[in-house]
Amino acid sequence: MAEAARARPIPTPETQHFWDGTKAGELRLQRCDACAHTYFPPRPFCPSCGSRKVSVFPSSGKATLYSYVINHRPAAPGFTPPYAIAVVELEEGPRMMSNIIDCPQTPEALELDMKLEVAFDKLDDEITLPLFRPAKG
């Protein structure tokens, strides 16, 4: 019997630029043209000032580990426990939830503030997920 697949995000018109970016190997963020606030998740207006004048730009892909929990229960299809559910803080400021890969899923290996870099996991021809791994060097 095949293992259940990981949940697949469904792009919307407001998030399509983000998913087009991950497919192209870019982690795209938005910045308000009125107040310069950089934010995630994608939306058509600035969450800080409400302006609809926003720009999309590629982020550096660099982040630090802000917080995490290690899941040991087989609760989510497509995941093999233990696995980290993490909040990473992007170099540009916003935080996002993701998973940490290429690293033991233990408290000894997952140190808060550790340097991370984005990695992309292609689910299919339409969706590529941004994950994070320890930064090299």
C-alpha atoms as a PDB file:
ATOM      1  CA  MET A   1       0.000   0.000   0.000  1.00  0.00           C
ATOM      2  CA  ALA A   2       1.405   3.421  -0.995  1.00  0.00           C
ATOM      3  CA  GLU A   3       2.195   5.992   1.681  1.00  0.00           C
ATOM      4  CA  ALA A   4      -0.153   8.979   1.802  1.00  0.00           C
ATOM      5  CA  ALA A   5       1.157  12.070   0.008  1.00  0.00           C
ATOM      6  CA  ARG A   6       2.041  15.342   1.676  1.00  0.00           C
ATOM      7  CA  ALA A   7      -0.691  17.992   1.564  1.00  0.00           C
ATOM      8  CA  ARG A   8      -0.397  20.076  -1.581  1.00  0.00           C
ATOM      9  CA  PRO A   9      -0.875  23.871  -1.390  1.00  0.00           C
ATOM     10  CA  ILE A  10      -3.417  25.398  -3.760  1.00  0.00           C
ATOM     11  CA  PRO A  11      -2.176  28.643  -5.352  1.00  0.00           C
ATOM     12  CA  THR A  12      -4.570  31.570  -5.578  1.00  0.00           C
ATOM     13  CA  PRO A  13      -4.250  34.683  -7.754  1.00  0.00           C
ATOM     14  CA  GLU A  14      -2.783  36.479  -4.703  1.00  0.00           C
ATOM     15  CA  THR A  15      -0.127  33.773  -4.087  1.00  0.00           C
ATOM     16  CA  GLN A  16       0.679  32.646  -7.648  1.00  0.00           C
ATOM     17  CA  HIS A  17       3.806  34.860  -7.838  1.00  0.00           C
ATOM     18  CA  PHE A  18       5.171  33.053  -4.751  1.00  0.00           C
ATOM     19  CA  TRP A  19       4.627  29.579  -6.248  1.00  0.00           C
ATOM     20  CA  ASP A  20       6.011  30.705  -9.628  1.00  0.00           C
ATOM     21  CA  GLY A  21       9.094  31.835  -7.713  1.00  0.00           C
ATOM     22  CA  THR A  22       9.627  28.575  -5.840  1.00  0.00           C
ATOM     23  CA  LYS A  23       9.252  26.689  -9.105  1.00  0.00           C
ATOM     24  CA  ALA A  24      12.022  28.927 -10.540  1.00  0.00           C
ATOM     25  CA  GLY A  25      14.233  28.416  -7.461  1.00  0.00           C
ATOM     26  CA  GLU A  26      13.451  31.792  -5.863  1.00  0.00           C
ATOM     27  CA  LEU A  27      11.874  32.594  -2.528  1.00  0.00           C
ATOM     28  CA  ARG A  28       9.805  35.686  -3.377  1.00  0.00           C
ATOM     29  CA  LEU A  29       8.626  38.219  -0.821  1.00  0.00           C
ATOM     30  CA  GLN A  30       6.596  41.393  -1.037  1.00  0.00           C
ATOM     31  CA  ARG A  31       7.547  44.931  -0.001  1.00  0.00           C
ATOM     32  CA  CYS A  32       5.203  47.852   0.412  1.00  0.00           C
ATOM     33  CA  ASP A  33       6.066  50.727  -1.923  1.00  0.00           C
ATOM     34  CA  ALA A  34       4.457  53.197   0.509  1.00  0.00           C
ATOM     35  CA  CYS A  35       6.020  52.256   3.870  1.00  0.00           C
ATOM     36  CA  ALA A  36       8.821  49.805   2.852  1.00  0.00           C
ATOM     37  CA  HIS A  37       7.452  46.999   5.100  1.00  0.00           C
ATOM     38  CA  THR A  38       8.564  43.542   3.880  1.00  0.00           C
ATOM     39  CA  TYR A  39       6.082  40.759   4.588  1.00  0.00           C
ATOM     40  CA  PHE A  40       5.041  37.127   4.258  1.00  0.00           C
ATOM     41  CA  PRO A  41       2.622  35.433   3.541  1.00  0.00           C
ATOM     42  CA  PRO A  42       1.679  36.926   0.171  1.00  0.00           C
ATOM     43  CA  ARG A  43      -1.330  39.240   0.004  1.00  0.00           C
ATOM     44  CA  PRO A  44      -2.419  42.097  -2.265  1.00  0.00           C
ATOM     45  CA  PHE A  45      -2.040  44.799   0.410  1.00  0.00           C
ATOM     46  CA  CYS A  46       0.485  45.818   3.050  1.00  0.00           C
ATOM     47  CA  PRO A  47      -0.395  44.390   6.495  1.00  0.00           C
ATOM     48  CA  SER A  48       1.342  47.376   8.091  1.00  0.00           C
ATOM     49  CA  CYS A  49      -0.275  50.388   6.363  1.00  0.00           C
ATOM     50  CA  GLY A  50      -2.950  48.868   4.088  1.00  0.00           C
ATOM     51  CA  SER A  51      -1.476  50.204   0.849  1.00  0.00           C
ATOM     52  CA  ARG A  52      -2.122  48.186  -2.299  1.00  0.00           C
ATOM     53  CA  LYS A  53       1.093  49.490  -3.873  1.00  0.00           C
ATOM     54  CA  VAL A  54       3.343  46.490  -3.273  1.00  0.00           C
ATOM     55  CA  SER A  55       6.289  44.972  -5.137  1.00  0.00           C
ATOM     56  CA  VAL A  56       7.486  41.390  -5.409  1.00  0.00           C
ATOM     57  CA  PHE A  57      11.216  40.677  -5.093  1.00  0.00           C
ATOM     58  CA  PRO A  58      13.470  37.635  -4.651  1.00  0.00           C
ATOM     59  CA  SER A  59      14.774  37.174  -1.113  1.00  0.00           C
ATOM     60  CA  SER A  60      18.322  36.128  -0.295  1.00  0.00           C
ATOM     61  CA  GLY A  61      17.095  32.716   0.866  1.00  0.00           C
ATOM     62  CA  LYS A  62      19.052  33.165   4.104  1.00  0.00           C
ATOM     63  CA  ALA A  63      17.347  32.683   7.451  1.00  0.00           C
ATOM     64  CA  THR A  64      17.835  31.774  11.088  1.00  0.00           C
ATOM     65  CA  LEU A  65      15.939  29.217  13.141  1.00  0.00           C
ATOM     66  CA  TYR A  66      13.514  31.215  15.286  1.00  0.00           C
ATOM     67  CA  SER A  67      11.494  28.392  16.877  1.00  0.00           C
ATOM     68  CA  TYR A  68      10.582  24.756  16.301  1.00  0.00           C
ATOM     69  CA  VAL A  69       8.858  21.694  17.646  1.00  0.00           C
ATOM     70  CA  ILE A  70       9.861  18.124  16.855  1.00  0.00           C
ATOM     71  CA  ASN A  71       6.861  15.994  15.991  1.00  0.00           C
ATOM     72  CA  HIS A  72       7.242  12.336  17.026  1.00  0.00           C
ATOM     73  CA  ARG A  73       3.709  11.219  16.233  1.00  0.00           C
ATOM     74  CA  PRO A  74       2.698   9.973  12.784  1.00  0.00           C
ATOM     75  CA  ALA A  75      -0.015  12.609  12.420  1.00  0.00           C
ATOM     76  CA  ALA A  76       0.621  14.190   9.019  1.00  0.00           C
ATOM     77  CA  PRO A  77       0.523  12.251   5.739  1.00  0.00           C
ATOM     78  CA  GLY A  78       3.769  12.429   3.799  1.00  0.00           C
ATOM     79  CA  PHE A  79       5.987  12.894   6.862  1.00  0.00           C
ATOM     80  CA  THR A  80       8.066  10.326   8.707  1.00  0.00           C
ATOM     81  CA  PRO A  81       8.564  11.175  12.371  1.00  0.00           C
ATOM     82  CA  PRO A  82      10.515  12.640  13.938  1.00  0.00           C
ATOM     83  CA  TYR A  83      10.433  15.856  11.902  1.00  0.00           C
ATOM     84  CA  ALA A  84      10.802  19.517  12.797  1.00  0.00           C
ATOM     85  CA  ILE A  85       8.028  22.017  12.252  1.00  0.00           C
ATOM     86  CA  ALA A  86       9.942  25.271  12.284  1.00  0.00           C
ATOM     87  CA  VAL A  87       9.490  29.014  12.219  1.00  0.00           C
ATOM     88  CA  VAL A  88      12.390  30.604  10.389  1.00  0.00           C
ATOM     89  CA  GLU A  89      13.216  34.292  10.366  1.00  0.00           C
ATOM     90  CA  LEU A  90      14.236  35.424   6.909  1.00  0.00           C
ATOM     91  CA  GLU A  91      17.179  37.792   6.511  1.00  0.00           C
ATOM     92  CA  GLU A  92      14.710  40.390   5.162  1.00  0.00           C
ATOM     93  CA  GLY A  93      12.638  40.254   8.376  1.00  0.00           C
ATOM     94  CA  PRO A  94       9.490  38.167   7.848  1.00  0.00           C
ATOM     95  CA  ARG A  95       9.017  34.815   9.552  1.00  0.00           C
ATOM     96  CA  MET A  96       7.576  31.748   7.895  1.00  0.00           C
ATOM     97  CA  MET A  97       6.753  28.175   8.836  1.00  0.00           C
ATOM     98  CA  SER A  98       8.662  25.431   7.087  1.00  0.00           C
ATOM     99  CA  ASN A  99      10.591  22.246   7.726  1.00  0.00           C
ATOM    100  CA  ILE A 100      14.291  21.740   8.388  1.00  0.00           C
ATOM    101  CA  ILE A 101      16.026  19.163   6.202  1.00  0.00           C
ATOM    102  CA  ASP A 102      19.536  17.693   5.862  1.00  0.00           C
ATOM    103  CA  CYS A 103      19.944  17.801   9.627  1.00  0.00           C
ATOM    104  CA  PRO A 104      19.222  15.385  12.503  1.00  0.00           C
ATOM    105  CA  GLN A 105      15.798  16.162  13.922  1.00  0.00           C
ATOM    106  CA  THR A 106      17.056  16.512  17.507  1.00  0.00           C
ATOM    107  CA  PRO A 107      17.348  19.408  19.976  1.00  0.00           C
ATOM    108  CA  GLU A 108      21.135  18.974  19.888  1.00  0.00           C
ATOM    109  CA  ALA A 109      21.252  19.593  16.131  1.00  0.00           C
ATOM    110  CA  LEU A 110      18.478  22.196  15.863  1.00  0.00           C
ATOM    111  CA  GLU A 111      19.924  25.185  17.689  1.00  0.00           C
ATOM    112  CA  LEU A 112      17.918  28.388  17.890  1.00  0.00           C
ATOM    113  CA  ASP A 113      19.448  31.173  15.772  1.00  0.00           C
ATOM    114  CA  MET A 114      21.351  28.645  13.637  1.00  0.00           C
ATOM    115  CA  LYS A 115      22.022  29.902  10.122  1.00  0.00           C
ATOM    116  CA  LEU A 116      19.789  28.382   7.444  1.00  0.00           C
ATOM    117  CA  GLU A 117      19.402  28.556   3.689  1.00  0.00           C
ATOM    118  CA  VAL A 118      16.416  27.806   1.515  1.00  0.00           C
ATOM    119  CA  ALA A 119      16.184  24.532  -0.400  1.00  0.00           C
ATOM    120  CA  PHE A 120      13.428  23.649  -2.830  1.00  0.00           C
ATOM    121  CA  ASP A 121      11.449  20.386  -2.881  1.00  0.00           C
ATOM    122  CA  LYS A 122       9.556  19.793  -6.127  1.00  0.00           C
ATOM    123  CA  LEU A 123       6.249  18.042  -5.372  1.00  0.00           C
ATOM    124  CA  ASP A 124       5.054  18.055  -8.975  1.00  0.00           C
ATOM    125  CA  ASP A 125       5.194  20.234 -12.114  1.00  0.00           C
ATOM    126  CA  GLU A 126       3.178  22.999 -10.418  1.00  0.00           C
ATOM    127  CA  ILE A 127       4.266  23.058  -6.760  1.00  0.00           C
ATOM    128  CA  THR A 128       7.761  23.361  -5.317  1.00  0.00           C
ATOM    129  CA  LEU A 129       8.001  23.829  -1.547  1.00  0.00           C
ATOM    130  CA  PRO A 130      10.558  26.067   0.163  1.00  0.00           C
ATOM    131  CA  LEU A 131      12.314  24.115   2.941  1.00  0.00           C
ATOM    132  CA  PHE A 132      15.368  25.108   4.953  1.00  0.00           C
ATOM    133  CA  ARG A 133      18.667  23.395   5.718  1.00  0.00           C
ATOM    134  CA  PRO A 134      21.729  24.386   7.754  1.00  0.00           C
ATOM    135  CA  ALA A 135      23.744  26.983   5.863  1.00  0.00           C
ATOM    136  CA  LYS A 136      27.003  25.798   4.353  1.00  0.00           C
ATOM    137  CA  GLY A 137      30.162  27.473   5.626  1.00  0.00           C
END
